[in-house]
């Protein structure tokens, strides 16, 4: 999914609040439009057209704004976006779906109360991963 101009503007608004020098760059409307178009093009060529790209862009701007003393470059934001995406994928890879439909009510209650573990139920053949 392509990162929209609205998303870029959202990121610019964050940068404007954090970095006083950035707000000076936005004073001229024509230059601001050109800068937005340039960022859209650069993000597109950086192969960042995926479902969560817009969320990752905003997250990257927020993240980098808390660590950088100076206005971040588009390259720094792209790098941070890639880290945000990788972190999310790593979390998703650690998630394992567990099918508890074969458990009796008693077994399910024991599981919820932590009287039995998922590992024990897998070993008994009651849960499939």
N, C-alpha and C. Protein backbone atom coordinates (compact mmCIF):
# COMPACT_ATOMS: atom_id res chain seq x y z
N UNK A 1 0.85 -1.18 0.00
CA UNK A 1 0.00 0.00 0.00
C UNK A 1 0.89 1.24 0.00
N UNK A 2 0.67 2.09 -0.95
CA UNK A 2 1.46 3.30 -1.10
C UNK A 2 1.23 4.26 0.07
N UNK A 3 2.30 4.89 0.53
CA UNK A 3 2.18 5.87 1.60
C UNK A 3 1.60 7.14 0.99
N UNK A 4 0.49 7.59 1.54
CA UNK A 4 -0.23 8.72 0.97
C UNK A 4 0.38 10.06 1.39
N UNK A 5 -0.01 11.07 0.66
CA UNK A 5 0.42 12.43 1.01
C UNK A 5 -0.10 12.80 2.40
N UNK A 6 -1.30 12.35 2.72
CA UNK A 6 -1.87 12.64 4.05
C UNK A 6 -0.99 12.07 5.16
N UNK A 7 -0.45 10.88 4.93
CA UNK A 7 0.43 10.26 5.91
C UNK A 7 1.73 11.05 6.04
N UNK A 8 2.26 11.50 4.91
CA UNK A 8 3.48 12.32 4.93
C UNK A 8 3.21 13.60 5.71
N UNK A 9 2.07 14.21 5.46
CA UNK A 9 1.69 15.45 6.16
C UNK A 9 1.59 15.19 7.66
N UNK A 10 1.02 14.05 8.03
CA UNK A 10 0.93 13.67 9.45
C UNK A 10 2.33 13.59 10.06
N UNK A 11 3.25 12.98 9.34
CA UNK A 11 4.62 12.89 9.80
C UNK A 11 5.28 14.26 9.90
N UNK A 12 5.01 15.11 8.91
CA UNK A 12 5.56 16.47 8.92
C UNK A 12 5.04 17.26 10.13
N UNK A 13 3.79 17.05 10.47
CA UNK A 13 3.21 17.75 11.62
C UNK A 13 3.92 17.36 12.91
N UNK A 14 4.27 16.09 13.02
CA UNK A 14 5.02 15.63 14.19
C UNK A 14 6.40 16.28 14.20
N UNK A 15 7.07 16.24 13.06
CA UNK A 15 8.41 16.82 12.96
C UNK A 15 8.39 18.32 13.24
N UNK A 16 7.34 18.97 12.79
CA UNK A 16 7.20 20.41 13.00
C UNK A 16 7.09 20.75 14.49
N UNK A 17 6.39 19.91 15.22
CA UNK A 17 6.23 20.14 16.66
C UNK A 17 7.50 19.86 17.44
N UNK A 18 8.30 18.93 16.96
CA UNK A 18 9.49 18.51 17.68
C UNK A 18 10.71 19.36 17.32
N UNK A 19 10.82 19.69 16.04
CA UNK A 19 12.01 20.43 15.56
C UNK A 19 11.59 21.81 15.04
N UNK A 20 12.02 22.84 15.74
CA UNK A 20 11.63 24.20 15.34
C UNK A 20 12.16 24.55 13.96
N UNK A 21 13.33 24.05 13.60
CA UNK A 21 13.88 24.35 12.27
C UNK A 21 13.05 23.71 11.16
N UNK A 22 12.38 22.62 11.45
CA UNK A 22 11.57 21.96 10.43
C UNK A 22 10.37 22.83 10.06
N UNK A 23 9.80 23.50 11.05
CA UNK A 23 8.63 24.35 10.77
C UNK A 23 9.00 25.48 9.80
N UNK A 24 10.26 25.92 9.84
CA UNK A 24 10.71 26.96 8.90
C UNK A 24 10.68 26.45 7.47
N UNK A 25 10.95 25.17 7.28
CA UNK A 25 10.93 24.57 5.95
C UNK A 25 9.51 24.52 5.37
N UNK A 26 8.51 24.58 6.25
CA UNK A 26 7.12 24.45 5.81
C UNK A 26 6.42 25.79 5.61
N UNK A 27 7.13 26.88 5.77
CA UNK A 27 6.51 28.20 5.67
C UNK A 27 6.06 28.51 4.24
N UNK A 28 6.81 28.07 3.25
CA UNK A 28 6.45 28.32 1.86
C UNK A 28 5.61 27.14 1.35
N UNK A 29 4.35 27.41 1.00
CA UNK A 29 3.42 26.34 0.61
C UNK A 29 3.90 25.58 -0.62
N UNK A 30 4.45 26.27 -1.60
CA UNK A 30 4.91 25.60 -2.82
C UNK A 30 6.08 24.66 -2.51
N UNK A 31 7.01 25.13 -1.69
CA UNK A 31 8.14 24.27 -1.30
C UNK A 31 7.66 23.07 -0.49
N UNK A 32 6.66 23.28 0.34
CA UNK A 32 6.10 22.19 1.14
C UNK A 32 5.48 21.14 0.23
N UNK A 33 4.71 21.58 -0.77
CA UNK A 33 4.10 20.63 -1.72
C UNK A 33 5.18 19.83 -2.44
N UNK A 34 6.23 20.53 -2.87
CA UNK A 34 7.32 19.86 -3.57
C UNK A 34 8.02 18.85 -2.65
N UNK A 35 8.21 19.22 -1.40
CA UNK A 35 8.86 18.34 -0.45
C UNK A 35 7.99 17.10 -0.20
N UNK A 36 6.70 17.28 -0.06
CA UNK A 36 5.79 16.14 0.13
C UNK A 36 5.86 15.21 -1.08
N UNK A 37 5.79 15.77 -2.28
CA UNK A 37 5.87 14.95 -3.50
C UNK A 37 7.19 14.19 -3.57
N UNK A 38 8.27 14.85 -3.20
CA UNK A 38 9.58 14.21 -3.21
C UNK A 38 9.61 13.05 -2.22
N UNK A 39 9.09 13.26 -1.02
CA UNK A 39 9.07 12.19 -0.01
C UNK A 39 8.23 11.01 -0.48
N UNK A 40 7.07 11.29 -1.09
CA UNK A 40 6.22 10.21 -1.61
C UNK A 40 7.01 9.40 -2.63
N UNK A 41 7.70 10.09 -3.55
CA UNK A 41 8.49 9.40 -4.58
C UNK A 41 9.62 8.58 -3.97
N UNK A 42 10.34 9.16 -3.01
CA UNK A 42 11.46 8.45 -2.40
C UNK A 42 11.00 7.23 -1.61
N UNK A 43 9.90 7.37 -0.91
CA UNK A 43 9.36 6.24 -0.16
C UNK A 43 8.89 5.14 -1.10
N UNK A 44 8.35 5.55 -2.24
CA UNK A 44 7.89 4.58 -3.23
C UNK A 44 9.08 3.82 -3.82
N UNK A 45 10.16 4.52 -4.13
CA UNK A 45 11.33 3.85 -4.71
C UNK A 45 12.10 3.04 -3.68
N UNK A 46 11.86 3.29 -2.41
CA UNK A 46 12.53 2.53 -1.35
C UNK A 46 11.84 1.20 -1.09
N UNK A 47 10.90 0.84 -1.94
CA UNK A 47 10.19 -0.45 -1.82
C UNK A 47 9.49 -0.58 -0.47
N UNK A 48 8.75 0.45 -0.12
CA UNK A 48 8.02 0.45 1.15
C UNK A 48 6.51 0.44 0.92
N UNK A 49 6.10 -0.21 -0.14
CA UNK A 49 4.67 -0.31 -0.45
C UNK A 49 4.14 -1.64 0.07
N UNK A 50 3.79 -1.65 1.34
CA UNK A 50 3.21 -2.84 1.96
C UNK A 50 2.07 -2.39 2.86
N UNK A 51 1.28 -3.31 3.33
CA UNK A 51 0.03 -3.00 4.04
C UNK A 51 0.20 -2.01 5.19
N UNK A 52 1.18 -2.22 6.04
CA UNK A 52 1.33 -1.40 7.24
C UNK A 52 2.29 -0.23 7.06
N UNK A 53 2.67 0.09 5.83
CA UNK A 53 3.69 1.11 5.57
C UNK A 53 3.32 2.47 6.16
N UNK A 54 2.07 2.86 6.06
CA UNK A 54 1.66 4.17 6.59
C UNK A 54 1.81 4.21 8.11
N UNK A 55 1.38 3.15 8.77
CA UNK A 55 1.53 3.08 10.23
C UNK A 55 3.00 3.07 10.61
N UNK A 56 3.80 2.34 9.85
CA UNK A 56 5.23 2.25 10.14
C UNK A 56 5.92 3.60 9.91
N UNK A 57 5.46 4.36 8.92
CA UNK A 57 6.04 5.68 8.67
C UNK A 57 5.82 6.58 9.88
N UNK A 58 4.59 6.65 10.35
CA UNK A 58 4.28 7.49 11.51
C UNK A 58 5.04 6.99 12.74
N UNK A 59 5.08 5.68 12.94
CA UNK A 59 5.82 5.12 14.08
C UNK A 59 7.30 5.46 13.98
N UNK A 60 7.85 5.40 12.77
CA UNK A 60 9.26 5.72 12.58
C UNK A 60 9.54 7.18 12.89
N UNK A 61 8.66 8.06 12.43
CA UNK A 61 8.84 9.50 12.70
C UNK A 61 8.79 9.75 14.21
N UNK A 62 7.83 9.13 14.88
CA UNK A 62 7.73 9.30 16.34
C UNK A 62 8.96 8.74 17.03
N UNK A 63 9.37 7.56 16.62
CA UNK A 63 10.52 6.90 17.23
C UNK A 63 11.78 7.74 17.07
N UNK A 64 12.05 8.15 15.86
CA UNK A 64 13.28 8.89 15.56
C UNK A 64 13.25 10.27 16.20
N UNK A 65 12.06 10.83 16.38
CA UNK A 65 11.94 12.16 17.00
C UNK A 65 12.30 12.12 18.47
N UNK A 66 12.23 10.96 19.07
CA UNK A 66 12.58 10.85 20.49
C UNK A 66 14.06 10.59 20.70
N UNK A 67 14.77 10.25 19.63
CA UNK A 67 16.18 9.90 19.78
C UNK A 67 17.14 10.85 19.06
N UNK A 68 16.67 11.55 18.02
CA UNK A 68 17.55 12.44 17.25
C UNK A 68 17.46 13.87 17.74
N UNK A 69 18.59 14.50 17.89
CA UNK A 69 18.62 15.91 18.27
C UNK A 69 18.31 16.80 17.07
N UNK A 70 18.57 16.27 15.88
CA UNK A 70 18.43 17.07 14.66
C UNK A 70 17.34 16.48 13.77
N UNK A 71 16.85 17.29 12.85
CA UNK A 71 15.81 16.85 11.92
C UNK A 71 16.30 15.61 11.19
N UNK A 72 15.52 14.54 11.21
CA UNK A 72 15.96 13.31 10.53
C UNK A 72 15.87 13.46 9.01
N UNK A 73 16.76 12.77 8.34
CA UNK A 73 16.70 12.72 6.89
C UNK A 73 15.68 11.66 6.48
N UNK A 74 15.28 11.70 5.23
CA UNK A 74 14.36 10.67 4.73
C UNK A 74 15.03 9.30 4.84
N UNK A 75 16.34 9.25 4.64
CA UNK A 75 17.06 7.97 4.74
C UNK A 75 16.97 7.41 6.16
N UNK A 76 17.08 8.26 7.16
CA UNK A 76 16.97 7.80 8.55
C UNK A 76 15.56 7.29 8.85
N UNK A 77 14.58 7.98 8.30
CA UNK A 77 13.19 7.55 8.52
C UNK A 77 12.94 6.22 7.82
N UNK A 78 13.45 6.06 6.60
CA UNK A 78 13.28 4.79 5.88
C UNK A 78 13.95 3.66 6.65
N UNK A 79 15.14 3.89 7.14
CA UNK A 79 15.85 2.87 7.93
C UNK A 79 15.05 2.50 9.18
N UNK A 80 14.50 3.50 9.85
CA UNK A 80 13.71 3.25 11.05
C UNK A 80 12.43 2.51 10.70
N UNK A 81 11.82 2.84 9.56
CA UNK A 81 10.62 2.11 9.11
C UNK A 81 10.94 0.63 8.94
N UNK A 82 12.08 0.35 8.34
CA UNK A 82 12.47 -1.05 8.14
C UNK A 82 12.65 -1.76 9.47
N UNK A 83 13.20 -1.06 10.46
CA UNK A 83 13.36 -1.65 11.79
C UNK A 83 12.01 -1.90 12.44
N UNK A 84 11.09 -0.95 12.31
CA UNK A 84 9.74 -1.10 12.86
C UNK A 84 9.06 -2.31 12.23
N UNK A 85 9.18 -2.44 10.90
CA UNK A 85 8.58 -3.57 10.18
C UNK A 85 9.20 -4.88 10.65
N UNK A 86 10.53 -4.92 10.77
CA UNK A 86 11.22 -6.14 11.20
C UNK A 86 10.81 -6.53 12.62
N UNK A 87 10.70 -5.55 13.50
CA UNK A 87 10.27 -5.82 14.88
C UNK A 87 8.88 -6.43 14.91
N UNK A 88 7.97 -5.89 14.08
CA UNK A 88 6.61 -6.43 14.03
C UNK A 88 6.62 -7.86 13.49
N UNK A 89 7.40 -8.10 12.44
CA UNK A 89 7.46 -9.44 11.85
C UNK A 89 8.07 -10.44 12.83
N UNK A 90 9.07 -10.00 13.60
CA UNK A 90 9.67 -10.88 14.61
C UNK A 90 8.64 -11.25 15.67
N UNK A 91 7.84 -10.29 16.09
CA UNK A 91 6.79 -10.57 17.08
C UNK A 91 5.77 -11.54 16.50
N UNK A 92 5.38 -11.31 15.23
CA UNK A 92 4.41 -12.19 14.58
C UNK A 92 4.94 -13.61 14.45
N UNK A 93 6.24 -13.74 14.19
CA UNK A 93 6.84 -15.07 14.02
C UNK A 93 6.84 -15.85 15.32
N UNK A 94 6.87 -15.14 16.44
CA UNK A 94 6.87 -15.80 17.74
C UNK A 94 5.47 -16.20 18.19
N UNK A 95 4.46 -15.75 17.48
CA UNK A 95 3.08 -16.07 17.83
C UNK A 95 2.71 -17.41 17.20
N UNK A 96 2.18 -18.30 17.98
CA UNK A 96 1.77 -19.61 17.49
C UNK A 96 0.29 -19.79 17.80
N UNK A 97 -0.47 -20.12 16.78
CA UNK A 97 -1.90 -20.36 16.98
C UNK A 97 -2.09 -21.74 17.61
N UNK A 98 -2.97 -21.80 18.58
CA UNK A 98 -3.23 -23.05 19.30
C UNK A 98 -4.71 -23.38 19.15
N UNK A 99 -4.97 -24.60 18.69
CA UNK A 99 -6.35 -25.06 18.52
C UNK A 99 -6.79 -25.77 19.80
N UNK A 100 -7.69 -25.13 20.55
CA UNK A 100 -8.17 -25.71 21.81
C UNK A 100 -9.56 -26.32 21.66
N UNK A 101 -10.01 -26.49 20.44
CA UNK A 101 -11.39 -26.97 20.24
C UNK A 101 -11.61 -28.40 20.72
N UNK A 102 -10.54 -29.18 20.86
CA UNK A 102 -10.69 -30.57 21.31
C UNK A 102 -10.66 -30.71 22.83
N UNK A 103 -10.46 -29.62 23.54
CA UNK A 103 -10.41 -29.69 25.00
C UNK A 103 -11.80 -29.83 25.58
N UNK A 104 -11.89 -30.59 26.66
CA UNK A 104 -13.14 -30.64 27.41
C UNK A 104 -13.24 -29.35 28.21
N UNK A 105 -14.41 -29.07 28.74
CA UNK A 105 -14.59 -27.88 29.57
C UNK A 105 -13.64 -27.93 30.77
N UNK A 106 -13.51 -29.10 31.34
CA UNK A 106 -12.64 -29.27 32.51
C UNK A 106 -11.18 -28.97 32.15
N UNK A 107 -10.72 -29.49 31.01
CA UNK A 107 -9.33 -29.25 30.58
C UNK A 107 -9.11 -27.77 30.28
N UNK A 108 -10.09 -27.14 29.67
CA UNK A 108 -9.96 -25.73 29.35
C UNK A 108 -9.85 -24.88 30.63
N UNK A 109 -10.67 -25.20 31.61
CA UNK A 109 -10.64 -24.49 32.90
C UNK A 109 -9.28 -24.69 33.57
N UNK A 110 -8.77 -25.92 33.51
CA UNK A 110 -7.45 -26.19 34.08
C UNK A 110 -6.37 -25.36 33.37
N UNK A 111 -6.49 -25.23 32.07
CA UNK A 111 -5.52 -24.44 31.30
C UNK A 111 -5.59 -22.97 31.70
N UNK A 112 -6.79 -22.44 31.79
CA UNK A 112 -6.98 -21.04 32.17
C UNK A 112 -6.45 -20.78 33.58
N UNK A 113 -6.68 -21.72 34.48
CA UNK A 113 -6.22 -21.57 35.86
C UNK A 113 -4.74 -21.94 36.02
N UNK A 114 -4.12 -22.29 34.90
CA UNK A 114 -2.69 -22.65 34.87
C UNK A 114 -2.37 -23.88 35.72
N UNK A 115 -3.36 -24.78 35.78
CA UNK A 115 -3.14 -26.04 36.48
C UNK A 115 -2.53 -27.08 35.55
N UNK A 116 -2.54 -26.76 34.26
CA UNK A 116 -1.93 -27.61 33.24
C UNK A 116 -1.38 -26.67 32.17
N UNK A 117 -0.30 -27.07 31.51
CA UNK A 117 0.32 -26.20 30.51
C UNK A 117 -0.07 -26.63 29.09
N UNK A 118 0.13 -25.72 28.17
CA UNK A 118 -0.11 -26.04 26.77
C UNK A 118 0.82 -27.16 26.33
N UNK A 119 2.05 -27.13 26.79
CA UNK A 119 3.01 -28.18 26.44
C UNK A 119 2.50 -29.55 26.88
N UNK A 120 1.96 -29.64 28.09
CA UNK A 120 1.43 -30.91 28.58
C UNK A 120 0.24 -31.38 27.73
N UNK A 121 -0.60 -30.43 27.34
CA UNK A 121 -1.76 -30.79 26.52
C UNK A 121 -1.34 -31.21 25.11
N UNK A 122 -0.28 -30.62 24.59
CA UNK A 122 0.25 -31.03 23.28
C UNK A 122 0.78 -32.45 23.38
N UNK A 123 1.53 -32.72 24.44
CA UNK A 123 2.08 -34.06 24.63
C UNK A 123 0.98 -35.12 24.76
N UNK A 124 -0.16 -34.75 25.33
CA UNK A 124 -1.27 -35.68 25.47
C UNK A 124 -2.09 -35.78 24.17
N UNK A 125 -1.77 -34.93 23.20
CA UNK A 125 -2.49 -34.94 21.93
C UNK A 125 -3.82 -34.21 21.98
N UNK A 126 -4.02 -33.40 23.00
CA UNK A 126 -5.29 -32.67 23.18
C UNK A 126 -5.28 -31.34 22.42
N UNK A 127 -4.11 -30.77 22.20
CA UNK A 127 -3.98 -29.48 21.52
C UNK A 127 -3.06 -29.67 20.31
N UNK A 128 -3.45 -29.02 19.23
CA UNK A 128 -2.65 -29.06 18.01
C UNK A 128 -2.18 -27.64 17.69
N UNK A 129 -0.92 -27.53 17.32
CA UNK A 129 -0.33 -26.23 17.03
C UNK A 129 -0.27 -26.02 15.53
